Amino acid sequence: MDMIAAIVGALDERELFQSIIGHTGRQHARFGVNPSHFVAFGDALIWSLEHQFGPAFTPELREAWIALYNAVRSEMIRAAQDAACRSGRS
C-alpha cells in the first residue's frame, strides 16, 4: 500500500512518477513477477477498493483507477523487460 500511495502521490510529478514505476518494475522482475501476475493483482486491487469504499467508489472512480493501474502496469512491464534485455536474460 505504501507503493500505491507513493505512485498516487507522484501523479503530478511526471519524472518522479516514471522513476518510481521504473524502479518498481525492475524490482518485481528480480522477484520473478511476470506479466500475468499484474493482471491478477490489478483485479484484486480494484476489488479491494470497491469493497473498502463501497458506494463512494463510483463507476467514474473505478474507471480512473483502472486507467491508472493499466498505465502503471504497462510501464512496470516495460521497465522489467528493458532490465532483462540489458542483463542478457531476454
PDB file of N, CA and C in Angstrom:
ATOM      1  N   MET A   1       0.821  -1.194   0.000  1.00  0.00           N
ATOM      2  CA  MET A   1       0.000   0.000   0.000  1.00  0.00           C
ATOM      3  C   MET A   1       0.865   1.259   0.000  1.00  0.00           C
ATOM      4  N   ASP A   2       2.054   1.168   0.612  1.00  0.00           N
ATOM      5  CA  ASP A   2       2.951   2.317   0.598  1.00  0.00           C
ATOM      6  C   ASP A   2       3.357   2.672  -0.826  1.00  0.00           C
ATOM      7  N   MET A   3       3.595   1.644  -1.645  1.00  0.00           N
ATOM      8  CA  MET A   3       3.996   1.908  -3.028  1.00  0.00           C
ATOM      9  C   MET A   3       2.849   2.533  -3.817  1.00  0.00           C
ATOM     10  N   ILE A   4       1.645   2.065  -3.595  1.00  0.00           N
ATOM     11  CA  ILE A   4       0.487   2.651  -4.280  1.00  0.00           C
ATOM     12  C   ILE A   4       0.336   4.102  -3.852  1.00  0.00           C
ATOM     13  N   ALA A   5       0.508   4.379  -2.580  1.00  0.00           N
ATOM     14  CA  ALA A   5       0.428   5.753  -2.088  1.00  0.00           C
ATOM     15  C   ALA A   5       1.509   6.624  -2.725  1.00  0.00           C
ATOM     16  N   ALA A   6       2.711   6.090  -2.869  1.00  0.00           N
ATOM     17  CA  ALA A   6       3.805   6.847  -3.498  1.00  0.00           C
ATOM     18  C   ALA A   6       3.485   7.139  -4.964  1.00  0.00           C
ATOM     19  N   ILE A   7       2.950   6.162  -5.666  1.00  0.00           N
ATOM     20  CA  ILE A   7       2.603   6.354  -7.084  1.00  0.00           C
ATOM     21  C   ILE A   7       1.523   7.405  -7.218  1.00  0.00           C
ATOM     22  N   VAL A   8       0.470   7.298  -6.423  1.00  0.00           N
ATOM     23  CA  VAL A   8      -0.613   8.279  -6.484  1.00  0.00           C
ATOM     24  C   VAL A   8      -0.090   9.657  -6.088  1.00  0.00           C
ATOM     25  N   GLY A   9       0.766   9.711  -5.081  1.00  0.00           N
ATOM     26  CA  GLY A   9       1.323  10.988  -4.641  1.00  0.00           C
ATOM     27  C   GLY A   9       2.213  11.653  -5.669  1.00  0.00           C
ATOM     28  N   ALA A  10       2.745  10.872  -6.593  1.00  0.00           N
ATOM     29  CA  ALA A  10       3.658  11.411  -7.614  1.00  0.00           C
ATOM     30  C   ALA A  10       2.964  11.687  -8.945  1.00  0.00           C
ATOM     31  N   LEU A  11       1.655  11.553  -9.006  1.00  0.00           N
ATOM     32  CA  LEU A  11       0.946  11.718 -10.280  1.00  0.00           C
ATOM     33  C   LEU A  11       1.208  13.066 -10.945  1.00  0.00           C
ATOM     34  N   ASP A  12       1.372  14.110 -10.149  1.00  0.00           N
ATOM     35  CA  ASP A  12       1.595  15.444 -10.716  1.00  0.00           C
ATOM     36  C   ASP A  12       3.067  15.747 -10.968  1.00  0.00           C
ATOM     37  N   GLU A  13       3.936  14.793 -10.681  1.00  0.00           N
ATOM     38  CA  GLU A  13       5.374  14.964 -10.892  1.00  0.00           C
ATOM     39  C   GLU A  13       5.853  13.849 -11.818  1.00  0.00           C
ATOM     40  N   ARG A  14       5.717  14.086 -13.116  1.00  0.00           N
ATOM     41  CA  ARG A  14       5.946  13.043 -14.119  1.00  0.00           C
ATOM     42  C   ARG A  14       7.297  12.340 -13.970  1.00  0.00           C
ATOM     43  N   GLU A  15       8.361  13.086 -13.756  1.00  0.00           N
ATOM     44  CA  GLU A  15       9.688  12.467 -13.654  1.00  0.00           C
ATOM     45  C   GLU A  15       9.774  11.537 -12.442  1.00  0.00           C
ATOM     46  N   LEU A  16       9.264  11.980 -11.314  1.00  0.00           N
ATOM     47  CA  LEU A  16       9.258  11.155 -10.106  1.00  0.00           C
ATOM     48  C   LEU A  16       8.358   9.935 -10.314  1.00  0.00           C
ATOM     49  N   PHE A  17       7.201  10.139 -10.909  1.00  0.00           N
ATOM     50  CA  PHE A  17       6.260   9.064 -11.213  1.00  0.00           C
ATOM     51  C   PHE A  17       6.941   7.988 -12.058  1.00  0.00           C
ATOM     52  N   GLN A  18       7.611   8.395 -13.144  1.00  0.00           N
ATOM     53  CA  GLN A  18       8.309   7.462 -14.023  1.00  0.00           C
ATOM     54  C   GLN A  18       9.420   6.727 -13.281  1.00  0.00           C
ATOM     55  N   SER A  19      10.140   7.451 -12.446  1.00  0.00           N
ATOM     56  CA  SER A  19      11.230   6.857 -11.692  1.00  0.00           C
ATOM     57  C   SER A  19      10.723   5.774 -10.738  1.00  0.00           C
ATOM     58  N   ILE A  20       9.659   6.073 -10.021  1.00  0.00           N
ATOM     59  CA  ILE A  20       9.087   5.109  -9.074  1.00  0.00           C
ATOM     60  C   ILE A  20       8.626   3.861  -9.809  1.00  0.00           C
ATOM     61  N   ILE A  21       7.901   4.053 -10.898  1.00  0.00           N
ATOM     62  CA  ILE A  21       7.366   2.916 -11.644  1.00  0.00           C
ATOM     63  C   ILE A  21       8.491   2.081 -12.258  1.00  0.00           C
ATOM     64  N   GLY A  22       9.475   2.741 -12.850  1.00  0.00           N
ATOM     65  CA  GLY A  22      10.592   2.012 -13.447  1.00  0.00           C
ATOM     66  C   GLY A  22      11.345   1.189 -12.422  1.00  0.00           C
ATOM     67  N   HIS A  23      11.649   1.805 -11.295  1.00  0.00           N
ATOM     68  CA  HIS A  23      12.360   1.101 -10.222  1.00  0.00           C
ATOM     69  C   HIS A  23      11.547  -0.090  -9.725  1.00  0.00           C
ATOM     70  N   THR A  24      10.271   0.136  -9.514  1.00  0.00           N
ATOM     71  CA  THR A  24       9.409  -0.925  -9.012  1.00  0.00           C
ATOM     72  C   THR A  24       9.287  -2.060 -10.026  1.00  0.00           C
ATOM     73  N   GLY A  25       9.187  -1.729 -11.310  1.00  0.00           N
ATOM     74  CA  GLY A  25       9.125  -2.755 -12.351  1.00  0.00           C
ATOM     75  C   GLY A  25      10.377  -3.621 -12.369  1.00  0.00           C
ATOM     76  N   ARG A  26      11.537  -2.977 -12.237  1.00  0.00           N
ATOM     77  CA  ARG A  26      12.792  -3.739 -12.207  1.00  0.00           C
ATOM     78  C   ARG A  26      12.865  -4.636 -10.971  1.00  0.00           C
ATOM     79  N   GLN A  27      12.425  -4.135  -9.839  1.00  0.00           N
ATOM     80  CA  GLN A  27      12.418  -4.946  -8.617  1.00  0.00           C
ATOM     81  C   GLN A  27      11.494  -6.153  -8.769  1.00  0.00           C
ATOM     82  N   HIS A  28      10.314  -5.923  -9.314  1.00  0.00           N
ATOM     83  CA  HIS A  28       9.366  -7.018  -9.488  1.00  0.00           C
ATOM     84  C   HIS A  28       9.945  -8.096 -10.400  1.00  0.00           C
ATOM     85  N   ALA A  29      10.668  -7.679 -11.428  1.00  0.00           N
ATOM     86  CA  ALA A  29      11.285  -8.661 -12.336  1.00  0.00           C
ATOM     87  C   ALA A  29      12.303  -9.513 -11.572  1.00  0.00           C
ATOM     88  N   ARG A  30      13.077  -8.886 -10.699  1.00  0.00           N
ATOM     89  CA  ARG A  30      14.063  -9.639  -9.899  1.00  0.00           C
ATOM     90  C   ARG A  30      13.386 -10.632  -8.966  1.00  0.00           C
ATOM     91  N   PHE A  31      12.156 -10.315  -8.538  1.00  0.00           N
ATOM     92  CA  PHE A  31      11.421 -11.207  -7.649  1.00  0.00           C
ATOM     93  C   PHE A  31      10.708 -12.325  -8.408  1.00  0.00           C
ATOM     94  N   GLY A  32      10.795 -12.304  -9.751  1.00  0.00           N
ATOM     95  CA  GLY A  32      10.173 -13.348 -10.551  1.00  0.00           C
ATOM     96  C   GLY A  32       8.740 -13.075 -10.975  1.00  0.00           C
ATOM     97  N   VAL A  33       8.301 -11.830 -10.810  1.00  0.00           N
ATOM     98  CA  VAL A  33       6.947 -11.472 -11.225  1.00  0.00           C
ATOM     99  C   VAL A  33       6.902 -11.443 -12.748  1.00  0.00           C
ATOM    100  N   ASN A  34       5.865 -12.038 -13.324  1.00  0.00           N
ATOM    101  CA  ASN A  34       5.721 -11.987 -14.774  1.00  0.00           C
ATOM    102  C   ASN A  34       4.441 -11.228 -15.130  1.00  0.00           C
ATOM    103  N   PRO A  35       4.264 -10.860 -16.388  1.00  0.00           N
ATOM    104  CA  PRO A  35       3.117 -10.020 -16.766  1.00  0.00           C
ATOM    105  C   PRO A  35       1.753 -10.556 -16.320  1.00  0.00           C
ATOM    106  N   SER A  36       1.558 -11.862 -16.303  1.00  0.00           N
ATOM    107  CA  SER A  36       0.250 -12.385 -15.889  1.00  0.00           C
ATOM    108  C   SER A  36      -0.050 -12.092 -14.418  1.00  0.00           C
ATOM    109  N   HIS A  37       0.983 -11.964 -13.607  1.00  0.00           N
ATOM    110  CA  HIS A  37       0.771 -11.638 -12.193  1.00  0.00           C
ATOM    111  C   HIS A  37       0.167 -10.248 -12.036  1.00  0.00           C
ATOM    112  N   PHE A  38       0.515  -9.340 -12.931  1.00  0.00           N
ATOM    113  CA  PHE A  38      -0.012  -7.987 -12.851  1.00  0.00           C
ATOM    114  C   PHE A  38      -1.516  -7.954 -13.077  1.00  0.00           C
ATOM    115  N   VAL A  39      -2.015  -8.831 -13.920  1.00  0.00           N
ATOM    116  CA  VAL A  39      -3.457  -8.890 -14.180  1.00  0.00           C
ATOM    117  C   VAL A  39      -4.186  -9.293 -12.906  1.00  0.00           C
ATOM    118  N   ALA A  40      -3.711 -10.347 -12.268  1.00  0.00           N
ATOM    119  CA  ALA A  40      -4.341 -10.818 -11.036  1.00  0.00           C
ATOM    120  C   ALA A  40      -4.284  -9.747  -9.951  1.00  0.00           C
ATOM    121  N   PHE A  41      -3.137  -9.070  -9.834  1.00  0.00           N
ATOM    122  CA  PHE A  41      -3.026  -8.021  -8.822  1.00  0.00           C
ATOM    123  C   PHE A  41      -3.987  -6.874  -9.116  1.00  0.00           C
ATOM    124  N   GLY A  42      -4.079  -6.482 -10.378  1.00  0.00           N
ATOM    125  CA  GLY A  42      -4.989  -5.395 -10.756  1.00  0.00           C
ATOM    126  C   GLY A  42      -6.427  -5.723 -10.407  1.00  0.00           C
ATOM    127  N   ASP A  43      -6.841  -6.945 -10.705  1.00  0.00           N
ATOM    128  CA  ASP A  43      -8.197  -7.374 -10.357  1.00  0.00           C
ATOM    129  C   ASP A  43      -8.411  -7.309  -8.845  1.00  0.00           C
ATOM    130  N   ALA A  44      -7.430  -7.785  -8.080  1.00  0.00           N
ATOM    131  CA  ALA A  44      -7.533  -7.768  -6.622  1.00  0.00           C
ATOM    132  C   ALA A  44      -7.546  -6.335  -6.081  1.00  0.00           C
ATOM    133  N   LEU A  45      -6.750  -5.466  -6.679  1.00  0.00           N
ATOM    134  CA  LEU A  45      -6.718  -4.070  -6.240  1.00  0.00           C
ATOM    135  C   LEU A  45      -8.074  -3.408  -6.434  1.00  0.00           C
ATOM    136  N   ILE A  46      -8.651  -3.556  -7.626  1.00  0.00           N
ATOM    137  CA  ILE A  46      -9.944  -2.935  -7.895  1.00  0.00           C
ATOM    138  C   ILE A  46     -11.019  -3.518  -6.983  1.00  0.00           C
ATOM    139  N   TRP A  47     -11.016  -4.823  -6.797  1.00  0.00           N
ATOM    140  CA  TRP A  47     -11.973  -5.465  -5.894  1.00  0.00           C
ATOM    141  C   TRP A  47     -11.840  -4.899  -4.475  1.00  0.00           C
ATOM    142  N   SER A  48     -10.598  -4.760  -4.016  1.00  0.00           N
ATOM    143  CA  SER A  48     -10.350  -4.237  -2.668  1.00  0.00           C
ATOM    144  C   SER A  48     -10.849  -2.807  -2.519  1.00  0.00           C
ATOM    145  N   LEU A  49     -10.576  -1.991  -3.519  1.00  0.00           N
ATOM    146  CA  LEU A  49     -11.030  -0.601  -3.464  1.00  0.00           C
ATOM    147  C   LEU A  49     -12.555  -0.531  -3.456  1.00  0.00           C
ATOM    148  N   GLU A  50     -13.185  -1.343  -4.279  1.00  0.00           N
ATOM    149  CA  GLU A  50     -14.657  -1.367  -4.313  1.00  0.00           C
ATOM    150  C   GLU A  50     -15.237  -1.735  -2.957  1.00  0.00           C
ATOM    151  N   HIS A  51     -14.645  -2.729  -2.316  1.00  0.00           N
ATOM    152  CA  HIS A  51     -15.164  -3.175  -1.027  1.00  0.00           C
ATOM    153  C   HIS A  51     -14.797  -2.228   0.109  1.00  0.00           C
ATOM    154  N   GLN A  52     -13.671  -1.587   0.029  1.00  0.00           N
ATOM    155  CA  GLN A  52     -13.263  -0.638   1.070  1.00  0.00           C
ATOM    156  C   GLN A  52     -14.120   0.626   1.041  1.00  0.00           C
ATOM    157  N   PHE A  53     -14.373   1.149  -0.163  1.00  0.00           N
ATOM    158  CA  PHE A  53     -15.055   2.436  -0.286  1.00  0.00           C
ATOM    159  C   PHE A  53     -16.551   2.334  -0.536  1.00  0.00           C
ATOM    160  N   GLY A  54     -17.021   1.146  -0.860  1.00  0.00           N
ATOM    161  CA  GLY A  54     -18.463   0.951  -1.040  1.00  0.00           C
ATOM    162  C   GLY A  54     -19.042   1.889  -2.079  1.00  0.00           C
ATOM    163  N   PRO A  55     -20.198   2.512  -1.762  1.00  0.00           N
ATOM    164  CA  PRO A  55     -20.872   3.377  -2.731  1.00  0.00           C
ATOM    165  C   PRO A  55     -20.041   4.605  -3.150  1.00  0.00           C
ATOM    166  N   ALA A  56     -19.067   4.980  -2.337  1.00  0.00           N
ATOM    167  CA  ALA A  56     -18.214   6.119  -2.702  1.00  0.00           C
ATOM    168  C   ALA A  56     -17.307   5.782  -3.883  1.00  0.00           C
ATOM    169  N   PHE A  57     -17.145   4.498  -4.167  1.00  0.00           N
ATOM    170  CA  PHE A  57     -16.324   4.057  -5.295  1.00  0.00           C
ATOM    171  C   PHE A  57     -17.226   4.030  -6.527  1.00  0.00           C
ATOM    172  N   THR A  58     -17.441   5.203  -7.086  1.00  0.00           N
ATOM    173  CA  THR A  58     -18.359   5.392  -8.208  1.00  0.00           C
ATOM    174  C   THR A  58     -17.814   4.730  -9.480  1.00  0.00           C
ATOM    175  N   PRO A  59     -18.657   4.528 -10.461  1.00  0.00           N
ATOM    176  CA  PRO A  59     -18.169   3.989 -11.733  1.00  0.00           C
ATOM    177  C   PRO A  59     -17.052   4.844 -12.345  1.00  0.00           C
ATOM    178  N   GLU A  60     -17.159   6.150 -12.206  1.00  0.00           N
ATOM    179  CA  GLU A  60     -16.121   7.038 -12.740  1.00  0.00           C
ATOM    180  C   GLU A  60     -14.799   6.839 -12.002  1.00  0.00           C
ATOM    181  N   LEU A  61     -14.874   6.712 -10.687  1.00  0.00           N
ATOM    182  CA  LEU A  61     -13.674   6.487  -9.887  1.00  0.00           C
ATOM    183  C   LEU A  61     -13.068   5.121 -10.213  1.00  0.00           C
ATOM    184  N   ARG A  62     -13.928   4.136 -10.402  1.00  0.00           N
ATOM    185  CA  ARG A  62     -13.467   2.799 -10.782  1.00  0.00           C
ATOM    186  C   ARG A  62     -12.703   2.855 -12.102  1.00  0.00           C
ATOM    187  N   GLU A  63     -13.253   3.523 -13.090  1.00  0.00           N
ATOM    188  CA  GLU A  63     -12.596   3.630 -14.393  1.00  0.00           C
ATOM    189  C   GLU A  63     -11.276   4.400 -14.293  1.00  0.00           C
ATOM    190  N   ALA A  64     -11.230   5.422 -13.442  1.00  0.00           N
ATOM    191  CA  ALA A  64      -9.988   6.180 -13.256  1.00  0.00           C
ATOM    192  C   ALA A  64      -8.906   5.290 -12.646  1.00  0.00           C
ATOM    193  N   TRP A  65      -9.265   4.481 -11.649  1.00  0.00           N
ATOM    194  CA  TRP A  65      -8.294   3.567 -11.039  1.00  0.00           C
ATOM    195  C   TRP A  65      -7.826   2.511 -12.032  1.00  0.00           C
ATOM    196  N   ILE A  66      -8.744   2.009 -12.831  1.00  0.00           N
ATOM    197  CA  ILE A  66      -8.371   1.015 -13.841  1.00  0.00           C
ATOM    198  C   ILE A  66      -7.407   1.634 -14.843  1.00  0.00           C
ATOM    199  N   ALA A  67      -7.690   2.852 -15.288  1.00  0.00           N
ATOM    200  CA  ALA A  67      -6.806   3.531 -16.247  1.00  0.00           C
ATOM    201  C   ALA A  67      -5.424   3.756 -15.631  1.00  0.00           C
ATOM    202  N   LEU A  68      -5.389   4.210 -14.383  1.00  0.00           N
ATOM    203  CA  LEU A  68      -4.103   4.425 -13.711  1.00  0.00           C
ATOM    204  C   LEU A  68      -3.352   3.101 -13.587  1.00  0.00           C
ATOM    205  N   TYR A  69      -4.029   2.071 -13.130  1.00  0.00           N
ATOM    206  CA  TYR A  69      -3.350   0.788 -12.954  1.00  0.00           C
ATOM    207  C   TYR A  69      -2.827   0.250 -14.280  1.00  0.00           C
ATOM    208  N   ASN A  70      -3.615   0.372 -15.335  1.00  0.00           N
ATOM    209  CA  ASN A  70      -3.161  -0.110 -16.648  1.00  0.00           C
ATOM    210  C   ASN A  70      -1.914   0.632 -17.117  1.00  0.00           C
ATOM    211  N   ALA A  71      -1.870   1.932 -16.876  1.00  0.00           N
ATOM    212  CA  ALA A  71      -0.683   2.711 -17.249  1.00  0.00           C
ATOM    213  C   ALA A  71       0.524   2.285 -16.422  1.00  0.00           C
ATOM    214  N   VAL A  72       0.326   2.116 -15.136  1.00  0.00           N
ATOM    215  CA  VAL A  72       1.414   1.688 -14.245  1.00  0.00           C
ATOM    216  C   VAL A  72       1.888   0.290 -14.639  1.00  0.00           C
ATOM    217  N   ARG A  73       0.947  -0.609 -14.863  1.00  0.00           N
ATOM    218  CA  ARG A  73       1.291  -1.987 -15.240  1.00  0.00           C
ATOM    219  C   ARG A  73       2.120  -2.011 -16.522  1.00  0.00           C
ATOM    220  N   SER A  74       1.686  -1.277 -17.523  1.00  0.00           N
ATOM    221  CA  SER A  74       2.414  -1.253 -18.800  1.00  0.00           C
ATOM    222  C   SER A  74       3.834  -0.738 -18.623  1.00  0.00           C
ATOM    223  N   GLU A  75       3.981   0.320 -17.847  1.00  0.00           N
ATOM    224  CA  GLU A  75       5.312   0.902 -17.620  1.00  0.00           C
ATOM    225  C   GLU A  75       6.194  -0.032 -16.814  1.00  0.00           C
ATOM    226  N   MET A  76       5.631  -0.692 -15.808  1.00  0.00           N
ATOM    227  CA  MET A  76       6.416  -1.615 -14.994  1.00  0.00           C
ATOM    228  C   MET A  76       6.882  -2.808 -15.832  1.00  0.00           C
ATOM    229  N   ILE A  77       6.005  -3.326 -16.671  1.00  0.00           N
ATOM    230  CA  ILE A  77       6.382  -4.443 -17.531  1.00  0.00           C
ATOM    231  C   ILE A  77       7.471  -4.013 -18.503  1.00  0.00           C
ATOM    232  N   ARG A  78       7.335  -2.818 -19.065  1.00  0.00           N
ATOM    233  CA  ARG A  78       8.353  -2.307 -19.989  1.00  0.00           C
ATOM    234  C   ARG A  78       9.700  -2.175 -19.277  1.00  0.00           C
ATOM    235  N   ALA A  79       9.695  -1.606 -18.079  1.00  0.00           N
ATOM    236  CA  ALA A  79      10.937  -1.433 -17.314  1.00  0.00           C
ATOM    237  C   ALA A  79      11.565  -2.784 -16.990  1.00  0.00           C
ATOM    238  N   ALA A  80      10.746  -3.758 -16.633  1.00  0.00           N
ATOM    239  CA  ALA A  80      11.261  -5.093 -16.323  1.00  0.00           C
ATOM    240  C   ALA A  80      11.864  -5.740 -17.563  1.00  0.00           C
ATOM    241  N   GLN A  81      11.211  -5.589 -18.704  1.00  0.00           N
ATOM    242  CA  GLN A  81      11.728  -6.166 -19.948  1.00  0.00           C
ATOM    243  C   GLN A  81      13.017  -5.474 -20.382  1.00  0.00           C
ATOM    244  N   ASP A  82      13.073  -4.157 -20.223  1.00  0.00           N
ATOM    245  CA  ASP A  82      14.306  -3.430 -20.545  1.00  0.00           C
ATOM    246  C   ASP A  82      15.464  -3.903 -19.681  1.00  0.00           C
ATOM    247  N   ALA A  83      15.209  -4.095 -18.400  1.00  0.00           N
ATOM    248  CA  ALA A  83      16.253  -4.559 -17.480  1.00  0.00           C
ATOM    249  C   ALA A  83      16.717  -5.955 -17.870  1.00  0.00           C
ATOM    250  N   ALA A  84      15.774  -6.808 -18.251  1.00  0.00           N
ATOM    251  CA  ALA A  84      16.125  -8.175 -18.658  1.00  0.00           C
ATOM    252  C   ALA A  84      16.974  -8.151 -19.927  1.00  0.00           C
ATOM    253  N   CYS A  85      16.638  -7.293 -20.868  1.00  0.00           N
ATOM    254  CA  CYS A  85      17.414  -7.189 -22.113  1.00  0.00           C
ATOM    255  C   CYS A  85      18.836  -6.718 -21.819  1.00  0.00           C
ATOM    256  N   ARG A  86      18.961  -5.748 -20.929  1.00  0.00           N
ATOM    257  CA  ARG A  86      20.290  -5.224 -20.595  1.00  0.00           C
ATOM    258  C   ARG A  86      21.150  -6.260 -19.894  1.00  0.00           C
ATOM    259  N   SER A  87      20.510  -7.137 -19.149  1.00  0.00           N
ATOM    260  CA  SER A  87      21.286  -8.150 -18.424  1.00  0.00           C
ATOM    261  C   SER A  87      21.442  -9.432 -19.223  1.00  0.00           C
ATOM    262  N   GLY A  88      20.861  -9.466 -20.433  1.00  0.00           N
ATOM    263  CA  GLY A  88      21.002 -10.629 -21.285  1.00  0.00           C
ATOM    264  C   GLY A  88      20.065 -11.765 -20.963  1.00  0.00           C
ATOM    265  N   ARG A  89      19.010 -11.487 -20.182  1.00  0.00           N
ATOM    266  CA  ARG A  89      18.074 -12.530 -19.813  1.00  0.00           C
ATOM    267  C   ARG A  89      16.873 -12.599 -20.732  1.00  0.00           C
ATOM    268  N   SER A  90      16.800 -11.807 -21.744  1.00  0.00           N
ATOM    269  CA  SER A  90      15.617 -11.803 -22.596  1.00  0.00           C
ATOM    270  C   SER A  90      15.683 -12.844 -23.681  1.00  0.00           C
TER     271      SER A  90
END
